[in-house]
Protein backbone atom coordinates (compact mmCIF):
# COMPACT_ATOMS: atom_id res chain seq x y z
CA MET A 1 -3.56 -32.50 27.87
CA SER A 2 -6.57 -34.71 28.51
CA SER A 3 -9.63 -34.31 26.35
CA LEU A 4 -12.51 -36.20 24.84
CA PRO A 5 -12.60 -37.13 21.15
CA THR A 6 -13.48 -34.07 19.08
CA GLN A 7 -16.82 -35.46 17.92
CA HIS A 8 -17.95 -35.62 21.55
CA GLN A 9 -16.79 -32.16 22.55
CA ARG A 10 -19.42 -29.81 23.88
CA VAL A 11 -19.53 -26.08 24.49
CA LEU A 12 -20.94 -24.94 27.83
CA SER A 13 -21.75 -21.35 28.72
CA GLY A 14 -24.13 -19.56 31.04
CA MET A 15 -25.35 -16.18 32.25
CA ARG A 16 -26.66 -15.01 35.58
CA PRO A 17 -30.31 -13.97 35.26
CA THR A 18 -30.23 -10.20 34.96
CA GLY A 19 -33.49 -9.61 33.13
CA ARG A 20 -33.64 -7.95 29.74
CA LEU A 21 -30.32 -7.86 27.92
CA HIS A 22 -28.61 -4.95 26.16
CA LEU A 23 -26.32 -4.39 23.19
CA GLY A 24 -23.26 -5.16 25.32
CA HIS A 25 -24.59 -8.67 25.96
CA TYR A 26 -25.51 -9.08 22.30
CA HIS A 27 -22.13 -8.10 20.89
CA GLY A 28 -20.11 -9.60 23.74
CA VAL A 29 -21.83 -12.98 24.17
CA LEU A 30 -24.96 -13.73 22.18
CA LYS A 31 -23.54 -13.26 18.67
CA ASN A 32 -20.77 -15.66 19.62
CA TRP A 33 -23.30 -18.19 20.96
CA VAL A 34 -25.30 -17.97 17.73
CA ASN A 35 -22.18 -18.89 15.75
CA LEU A 36 -21.06 -21.64 18.13
CA GLN A 37 -24.44 -23.41 18.08
CA HIS A 38 -23.92 -24.25 14.42
CA GLU A 39 -20.43 -25.68 14.99
CA TYR A 40 -20.69 -27.60 18.27
CA GLU A 41 -23.09 -29.32 20.61
CA CYS A 42 -23.97 -26.37 22.81
CA PHE A 43 -25.47 -26.15 26.29
CA PHE A 44 -26.48 -22.63 27.38
CA PHE A 45 -27.85 -22.20 30.88
CA VAL A 46 -29.35 -19.67 33.26
CA ALA A 47 -26.98 -19.55 36.23
CA ASP A 48 -29.60 -18.90 38.90
CA TRP A 49 -27.60 -20.55 41.71
CA HIS A 50 -24.69 -18.27 40.83
CA ALA A 51 -27.01 -15.29 41.19
CA LEU A 52 -27.65 -16.39 44.78
CA THR A 53 -23.94 -16.28 45.63
CA THR A 54 -24.10 -12.46 45.59
CA HIS A 55 -27.85 -11.73 45.80
CA TYR A 56 -28.99 -14.26 48.39
CA GLU A 57 -30.67 -11.57 50.50
CA ASP A 58 -33.17 -10.59 47.79
CA PRO A 59 -33.83 -13.35 45.25
CA SER A 60 -37.27 -11.95 44.34
CA MET A 61 -36.27 -10.94 40.81
CA ILE A 62 -34.51 -14.15 39.80
CA GLU A 63 -37.50 -15.98 38.30
CA SER A 64 -38.88 -13.06 36.28
CA SER A 65 -35.36 -12.10 35.18
CA THR A 66 -34.80 -15.65 33.99
CA TRP A 67 -37.73 -15.62 31.58
CA GLU A 68 -36.92 -12.13 30.32
CA MET A 69 -33.34 -13.19 29.62
CA VAL A 70 -34.31 -16.41 27.84
CA ILE A 71 -36.70 -14.45 25.61
CA ASP A 72 -33.78 -12.26 24.57
CA TRP A 73 -31.61 -15.34 23.92
CA LEU A 74 -34.24 -16.75 21.60
CA ALA A 75 -34.91 -13.40 19.95
CA ALA A 76 -31.19 -12.93 19.30
CA GLY A 77 -31.06 -16.19 17.36
CA ILE A 78 -30.29 -18.95 19.85
CA SER A 79 -32.17 -21.92 18.43
CA PRO A 80 -33.62 -24.68 20.63
CA GLY A 81 -33.08 -26.96 17.65
CA SER A 82 -29.34 -26.29 17.69
CA ALA A 83 -28.60 -25.73 21.40
CA LYS A 84 -29.90 -26.90 24.75
CA LEU A 85 -31.29 -24.05 26.88
CA PHE A 86 -31.82 -24.85 30.54
CA ILE A 87 -31.89 -23.54 34.10
CA GLN A 88 -29.04 -24.54 36.39
CA SER A 89 -31.18 -25.23 39.46
CA GLN A 90 -33.42 -27.57 37.49
CA VAL A 91 -30.49 -29.95 37.02
CA PRO A 92 -29.59 -30.90 40.62
CA GLU A 93 -26.62 -32.95 39.40
CA HIS A 94 -24.73 -29.62 39.27
CA ALA A 95 -25.07 -29.37 43.05
CA GLU A 96 -24.20 -33.01 43.64
CA LEU A 97 -21.03 -32.82 41.58
CA HIS A 98 -20.13 -29.54 43.28
CA THR A 99 -20.44 -31.27 46.66
CA LEU A 100 -18.33 -34.23 45.60
CA LEU A 101 -15.65 -32.02 44.06
CA SER A 102 -15.54 -29.94 47.24
CA MET A 103 -14.28 -33.03 49.07
CA ILE A 104 -11.06 -33.05 47.04
CA THR A 105 -10.45 -29.37 46.25
CA PRO A 106 -7.84 -27.62 48.43
CA LEU A 107 -9.14 -24.44 50.07
CA GLY A 108 -6.15 -22.49 48.79
CA TRP A 109 -7.18 -23.13 45.19
CA LEU A 110 -10.40 -21.18 45.77
CA GLU A 111 -8.82 -18.38 47.77
CA ARG A 112 -6.32 -17.64 45.00
CA VAL A 113 -8.91 -17.25 42.20
CA PRO A 114 -8.33 -13.61 41.09
CA THR A 115 -12.01 -12.66 40.98
CA TYR A 116 -12.55 -13.71 44.61
CA LYS A 117 -10.91 -10.65 46.15
CA ASP A 118 -11.82 -8.42 43.20
CA GLN A 119 -15.54 -9.08 43.63
CA GLN A 120 -15.34 -8.64 47.39
CA GLU A 121 -13.81 -5.23 46.78
CA LYS A 122 -16.38 -4.23 44.15
CA LEU A 123 -19.33 -5.42 46.24
CA LYS A 124 -18.28 -4.01 49.60
CA GLU A 125 -21.87 -3.23 50.51
CA LYS A 126 -22.74 -6.95 50.52
CA ASP A 127 -21.78 -9.56 53.11
CA LEU A 128 -19.84 -11.99 50.95
CA ALA A 129 -18.14 -13.86 53.77
CA THR A 130 -20.12 -16.97 52.80
CA TYR A 131 -19.16 -20.44 51.68
CA GLY A 132 -21.34 -19.97 48.60
CA PHE A 133 -19.30 -17.01 47.44
CA LEU A 134 -15.97 -18.65 48.20
CA GLY A 135 -17.09 -21.82 46.45
CA TYR A 136 -18.74 -20.35 43.37
CA PRO A 137 -15.69 -20.99 41.14
CA LEU A 138 -15.96 -24.67 42.09
CA LEU A 139 -19.66 -24.60 41.24
CA GLN A 140 -18.61 -23.22 37.86
CA SER A 141 -16.24 -26.17 37.55
CA ALA A 142 -19.10 -28.55 38.29
CA ASP A 143 -21.24 -26.76 35.69
CA ILE A 144 -18.59 -27.49 33.08
CA LEU A 145 -17.49 -30.96 34.13
CA VAL A 146 -20.98 -32.41 34.56
CA TYR A 147 -21.37 -32.10 30.77
CA LYS A 148 -17.78 -33.07 29.97
CA ALA A 149 -17.62 -29.82 28.03
CA GLY A 150 -14.58 -29.62 25.81
CA MET A 151 -14.69 -25.86 25.37
CA VAL A 152 -15.89 -22.94 27.47
CA PRO A 153 -16.23 -19.52 25.80
CA VAL A 154 -14.88 -16.92 28.23
CA GLY A 155 -13.36 -13.48 28.31
CA GLU A 156 -9.79 -13.01 29.49
CA ASP A 157 -10.93 -12.29 33.04
CA GLN A 158 -12.53 -15.74 33.28
CA VAL A 159 -9.63 -17.84 32.01
CA ALA A 160 -8.51 -18.46 35.61
CA HIS A 161 -11.84 -20.17 36.30
CA VAL A 162 -11.32 -22.59 33.42
CA GLU A 163 -7.79 -23.27 34.64
CA LEU A 164 -9.18 -24.10 38.09
CA THR A 165 -11.60 -26.50 36.42
CA ARG A 166 -8.72 -28.19 34.62
CA GLU A 167 -6.82 -28.59 37.89
CA VAL A 168 -9.87 -30.03 39.64
CA ALA A 169 -10.49 -32.50 36.79
CA ARG A 170 -6.83 -33.51 36.80
CA ARG A 171 -6.89 -34.12 40.55
CA PHE A 172 -10.13 -36.10 40.33
CA ASN A 173 -8.78 -38.31 37.54
CA HIS A 174 -5.54 -38.85 39.46
CA LEU A 175 -7.41 -39.92 42.59
CA TYR A 176 -10.17 -42.00 41.03
CA GLY A 177 -9.17 -42.83 37.46
CA ARG A 178 -7.26 -46.00 38.30
CA GLU A 179 -10.14 -48.39 37.90
CA PRO A 180 -9.59 -52.08 38.70
CA GLY A 181 -8.12 -53.86 35.70
CA PHE A 182 -7.34 -50.57 33.95
CA GLU A 183 -4.29 -51.85 32.08
CA GLU A 184 -6.06 -55.01 30.94
CA LYS A 185 -9.18 -53.12 29.82
CA SER A 186 -7.01 -50.63 27.95
CA GLU A 187 -5.13 -53.37 26.13
CA GLN A 188 -8.43 -54.98 25.16
CA ALA A 189 -9.65 -51.64 23.82
CA VAL A 190 -6.47 -51.20 21.77
CA ALA A 191 -7.03 -54.63 20.20
CA LYS A 192 -10.45 -53.48 18.96
CA MET A 193 -8.73 -50.86 16.80
CA GLY A 194 -7.39 -53.47 14.37
CA LYS A 195 -3.80 -54.64 14.02
CA LYS A 196 -2.46 -51.74 11.96
CA ASN A 197 -4.08 -48.98 14.02
CA ALA A 198 -3.27 -50.76 17.27
CA ARG A 199 0.41 -51.00 16.34
CA MET A 200 0.53 -47.33 15.33
CA PHE A 201 -1.21 -46.29 18.56
CA MET A 202 1.19 -48.27 20.74
CA ASP A 203 4.21 -46.91 18.87
CA CYS A 204 3.00 -43.34 19.41
CA ARG A 205 2.25 -44.06 23.07
CA LYS A 206 5.76 -45.38 23.62
CA LYS A 207 7.39 -42.40 21.88
CA TYR A 208 5.31 -39.93 23.87
CA GLN A 209 5.85 -41.60 27.26
CA GLU A 210 9.55 -42.33 26.75
CA GLU A 211 10.63 -39.32 24.70
CA GLY A 212 7.90 -36.77 25.36
CA LEU A 213 7.21 -36.28 21.65
CA GLN A 214 4.13 -34.05 21.34
CA ASP A 215 3.68 -35.00 17.68
CA SER A 216 3.31 -38.64 18.68
CA LEU A 217 0.64 -37.69 21.23
CA ASP A 218 -1.26 -35.66 18.61
CA VAL A 219 -1.12 -38.52 16.08
CA ALA A 220 -2.40 -41.01 18.65
CA LYS A 221 -5.26 -38.71 19.67
CA ALA A 222 -6.24 -38.19 16.04
CA LEU A 223 -6.17 -41.95 15.59
CA LEU A 224 -8.52 -42.38 18.55
CA ASP A 225 -10.84 -39.70 17.20
CA SER A 226 -11.21 -41.61 13.95
CA GLN A 227 -12.16 -44.93 15.54
CA GLN A 228 -15.77 -45.98 14.92
CA ASN A 229 -15.74 -49.47 16.42
CA ILE A 230 -14.83 -48.72 20.03
CA SER A 231 -17.11 -47.24 22.67
CA ILE A 232 -16.88 -43.77 24.19
CA GLY A 233 -15.90 -45.41 27.48
CA ASP A 234 -13.00 -47.20 25.79
CA LYS A 235 -11.90 -43.97 24.15
CA GLU A 236 -11.90 -42.20 27.50
CA ARG A 237 -9.90 -45.08 28.93
CA LEU A 238 -7.39 -44.97 26.06
CA PHE A 239 -6.83 -41.23 26.40
CA GLY A 240 -5.66 -41.90 29.95
CA TYR A 241 -3.68 -44.98 28.91
CA LEU A 242 -1.99 -42.94 26.20
CA GLU A 243 -0.83 -40.24 28.60
CA GLY A 244 0.19 -42.61 31.37
CA SER A 245 -2.66 -41.70 33.68
CA GLY A 246 -5.84 -43.52 34.57
CA LYS A 247 -9.19 -43.43 32.84
CA ILE A 248 -10.26 -39.89 31.98
CA ILE A 249 -13.51 -39.64 33.91
CA LEU A 250 -13.75 -35.84 33.86
CA PRO A 251 -12.02 -34.37 30.77
CA GLU A 252 -10.11 -31.13 31.11
CA PRO A 253 -11.89 -28.32 29.22
CA GLN A 254 -10.24 -25.68 27.10
CA ALA A 255 -10.90 -21.95 27.38
CA LEU A 256 -12.36 -20.68 24.12
CA LEU A 257 -11.32 -17.05 24.30
CA THR A 258 -14.15 -14.74 23.30
CA PRO A 259 -13.06 -11.47 21.66
CA ALA A 260 -13.72 -8.56 23.97
CA SER A 261 -16.93 -6.73 23.15
CA LYS A 262 -16.33 -3.49 21.27
CA MET A 263 -19.76 -2.25 22.28
CA PRO A 264 -19.33 0.77 24.57
CA GLY A 265 -21.97 2.32 26.76
CA LEU A 266 -23.72 5.58 25.91
CA ASP A 267 -21.13 7.46 28.01
CA GLY A 268 -18.08 5.68 26.61
CA GLN A 269 -17.63 3.37 29.60
CA LYS A 270 -18.39 -0.35 29.45
CA MET A 271 -22.09 -0.85 28.76
CA SER A 272 -23.64 -1.90 32.06
CA LYS A 273 -26.99 -1.57 33.81
CA SER A 274 -25.18 -0.41 36.93
CA TYR A 275 -23.83 2.58 34.96
CA GLY A 276 -27.23 3.42 33.46
CA ASN A 277 -25.67 3.67 30.00
CA THR A 278 -27.35 0.82 28.10
CA ILE A 279 -29.48 0.30 25.04
CA ALA A 280 -31.70 -2.70 25.74
CA LEU A 281 -32.46 -5.13 22.94
CA ARG A 282 -36.14 -4.40 23.44
CA ASP A 283 -35.98 -0.62 23.80
CA THR A 284 -38.53 1.04 21.49
CA PRO A 285 -37.31 2.97 18.42
CA ASP A 286 -38.24 6.22 20.18
CA GLU A 287 -36.24 5.24 23.28
CA ILE A 288 -33.23 4.31 21.15
CA ASP A 289 -33.48 7.54 19.16
CA LYS A 290 -33.62 9.62 22.35
CA LYS A 291 -30.76 7.75 24.06
CA ILE A 292 -28.38 8.16 21.13
CA ARG A 293 -29.40 11.76 20.35
CA THR A 294 -28.64 12.76 23.95
CA MET A 295 -25.28 10.95 24.09
CA PRO A 296 -22.39 13.13 25.28
CA THR A 297 -19.91 14.15 22.58
CA ASP A 298 -16.48 15.79 22.50
CA PRO A 299 -16.64 18.57 25.14
CA ALA A 300 -14.65 20.82 22.79
CA ARG A 301 -17.64 21.06 20.43
CA VAL A 302 -19.56 23.68 22.34
CA ARG A 303 -20.92 25.33 19.18
CA ARG A 304 -21.89 23.86 15.83
CA ASN A 305 -18.84 25.33 14.07
CA ASP A 306 -16.31 24.11 16.70
CA PRO A 307 -14.08 21.30 15.34
CA GLY A 308 -13.94 18.11 17.39
CA ASP A 309 -11.79 15.06 18.06
CA PRO A 310 -13.61 11.73 17.41
CA ALA A 311 -11.23 9.93 19.78
CA LYS A 312 -12.81 11.91 22.65
CA CYS A 313 -16.38 11.22 21.59
CA PRO A 314 -18.43 8.15 22.68
CA VAL A 315 -20.45 8.38 19.44
CA TRP A 316 -17.32 7.54 17.46
CA GLN A 317 -17.08 4.22 19.33
CA PHE A 318 -20.57 3.41 18.05
CA HIS A 319 -19.47 4.25 14.50
CA LEU A 320 -16.63 1.73 14.85
CA VAL A 321 -19.21 -0.98 15.63
CA TYR A 322 -22.02 0.00 13.27
CA SER A 323 -20.76 2.13 10.39
CA SER A 324 -19.17 1.25 7.06
CA GLN A 325 -15.74 2.60 6.22
CA GLU A 326 -17.34 5.22 4.00
CA ILE A 327 -19.55 6.54 6.82
CA GLN A 328 -16.65 6.41 9.28
CA ASP A 329 -14.54 8.53 6.92
CA TRP A 330 -17.44 10.97 6.57
CA ALA A 331 -17.82 11.22 10.35
CA LEU A 332 -14.09 11.70 10.94
CA GLU A 333 -13.75 14.45 8.36
CA GLY A 334 -16.99 16.15 9.31
CA CYS A 335 -16.15 16.19 13.04
CA ARG A 336 -12.59 17.43 12.66
CA SER A 337 -13.57 20.17 10.21
CA ALA A 338 -16.89 21.03 11.89
CA GLY A 339 -18.47 20.20 8.55
CA ILE A 340 -21.24 18.26 10.33
CA GLY A 341 -22.95 18.74 13.64
CA CYS A 342 -23.14 16.16 16.40
CA VAL A 343 -26.81 15.43 15.63
CA ASP A 344 -25.86 14.77 11.98
CA CYS A 345 -23.09 12.43 13.16
CA LYS A 346 -25.50 10.44 15.35
CA LYS A 347 -28.14 9.86 12.66
CA PRO A 348 -26.37 6.96 10.83
CA VAL A 349 -25.74 5.25 14.19
CA ILE A 350 -29.40 5.49 15.15
CA ASP A 351 -30.45 4.05 11.80
CA ALA A 352 -27.95 1.17 12.02
CA VAL A 353 -28.95 0.22 15.58
CA LEU A 354 -32.64 0.25 14.63
CA VAL A 355 -31.99 -1.96 11.60
CA GLU A 356 -30.02 -4.46 13.70
CA LEU A 357 -32.61 -4.63 16.45
CA LYS A 358 -35.77 -4.73 14.31
CA PRO A 359 -35.77 -8.54 13.65
CA ILE A 360 -34.70 -9.24 17.23
CA GLN A 361 -37.57 -7.19 18.58
CA GLU A 362 -40.08 -8.81 16.23
CA ARG A 363 -39.05 -12.27 17.47
CA ALA A 364 -39.09 -11.05 21.07
CA ARG A 365 -42.69 -9.88 20.74
CA GLU A 366 -43.70 -13.31 19.47
CA TYR A 367 -42.14 -14.99 22.51
CA GLU A 368 -43.59 -12.39 24.89
CA ASP A 369 -47.04 -13.25 23.56
CA ASP A 370 -46.38 -16.98 23.95
CA ILE A 371 -44.46 -17.44 27.19
CA GLY A 372 -45.76 -21.02 27.31
CA THR A 373 -43.56 -21.88 24.34
CA VAL A 374 -40.54 -20.31 26.07
CA LYS A 375 -41.16 -22.40 29.18
CA ALA A 376 -41.63 -25.55 27.08
CA ILE A 377 -38.31 -24.93 25.32
CA VAL A 378 -36.55 -24.60 28.66
CA ALA A 379 -38.33 -27.66 30.07
CA ASP A 380 -37.07 -29.72 27.13
CA GLY A 381 -33.59 -28.30 27.65
CA ASN A 382 -33.72 -29.10 31.36
CA GLU A 383 -34.52 -32.74 30.60
CA ALA A 384 -31.85 -33.05 27.90
CA ALA A 385 -29.28 -31.54 30.25
CA ARG A 386 -30.30 -33.88 33.07
CA ASP A 387 -29.88 -36.91 30.80
CA VAL A 388 -26.25 -35.97 30.14
CA ALA A 389 -25.59 -34.92 33.73
CA ARG A 390 -27.02 -38.17 35.14
CA ASP A 391 -24.63 -40.22 33.00
CA THR A 392 -21.66 -38.24 34.30
CA LEU A 393 -22.76 -38.59 37.92
CA GLU A 394 -23.15 -42.35 37.51
CA GLU A 395 -19.50 -42.53 36.43
CA VAL A 396 -18.39 -40.21 39.21
CA ARG A 397 -20.24 -42.13 41.93
CA LYS A 398 -18.87 -45.42 40.65
CA ALA A 399 -15.31 -44.04 40.57
CA MET A 400 -15.67 -42.72 44.14
CA GLY A 401 -17.14 -45.96 45.44
CA ILE A 402 -20.61 -44.64 46.27
CA ALA A 403 -22.70 -46.15 43.46
CA TYR A 404 -24.29 -48.83 45.70
CA LEU A 405 -25.67 -50.75 42.74
């Protein structure tokens, strides 16, 4: 399994610009991003080109939705000091790599991506018989590979996209990773490790290639990770040399499985703008109070003294996210015995949501009043992303024989 040394691994994730975000986004994605930014080198991007794959007929909302979404990222705790925030279309290397990868990617690989037919079915009202829609999984691959991202946080439904990216990277490395003098350059790189480490590395390489011993491969990779006196290029070369392939130009990423969001919508379905069942991160306290107070409950509780079943009540799903065990026990007992009314049951949920959102909304107001700072943060992120992407494209062009320098 080809990868970069752990100290050079990056996390890459993005969102289509949908405007203001809601609690489903916060619990399903943003809280995870906030944690990841303190553990890895993170690149988070606005996937505006991806938005065009399904909304090409009316792109009028993309720009305003982008800034609204980035404000919510920042308000939720994404720090420009810890992560790079940028806009996909402002880093044209994404498109260039997508074009180059399209030259080597079999059509059948794209047609078999599970979401291809699923999305066509869900969006029947749109004309999705376009190359952009067919090719969007490959654009996702380019998004990942242009940063040599080691890990991509995804839900289970997106794992197939990461697997496609791995296949594309593997095919690219197979076709173009055999640089002239590869063996000689690899042997020279091994010598830079010092006699003891070099001997251990070669022993592990032999055991892995001749006997298929996974432990030997893991030891050799760990040994490479620890080397301080060889360049990143040599490490990439030695990862390929170790596994019997060529130089690893585009490392294969790993899917970092994100736990499914437990945040339901107001009606018990998945929280989604299309269902009209959301609580936005920037809804006012009065709006939040009204939305939760008018949530549907167990239909069996027609009157105040009718007992209910929490399993049939959307409010109970909110308790599972927001309430302590003590409050959950109180709600369970009170609902089943009709000891509390539905309004009583909703009150702790309202209070907990308001407490969670208060600091987010305070930060959001600061960014709303200073959109120039938001745009400056993204401009810095665009430039930082381009610096990394340019380096990758230089390697890719050179490997494909179109560097012309």
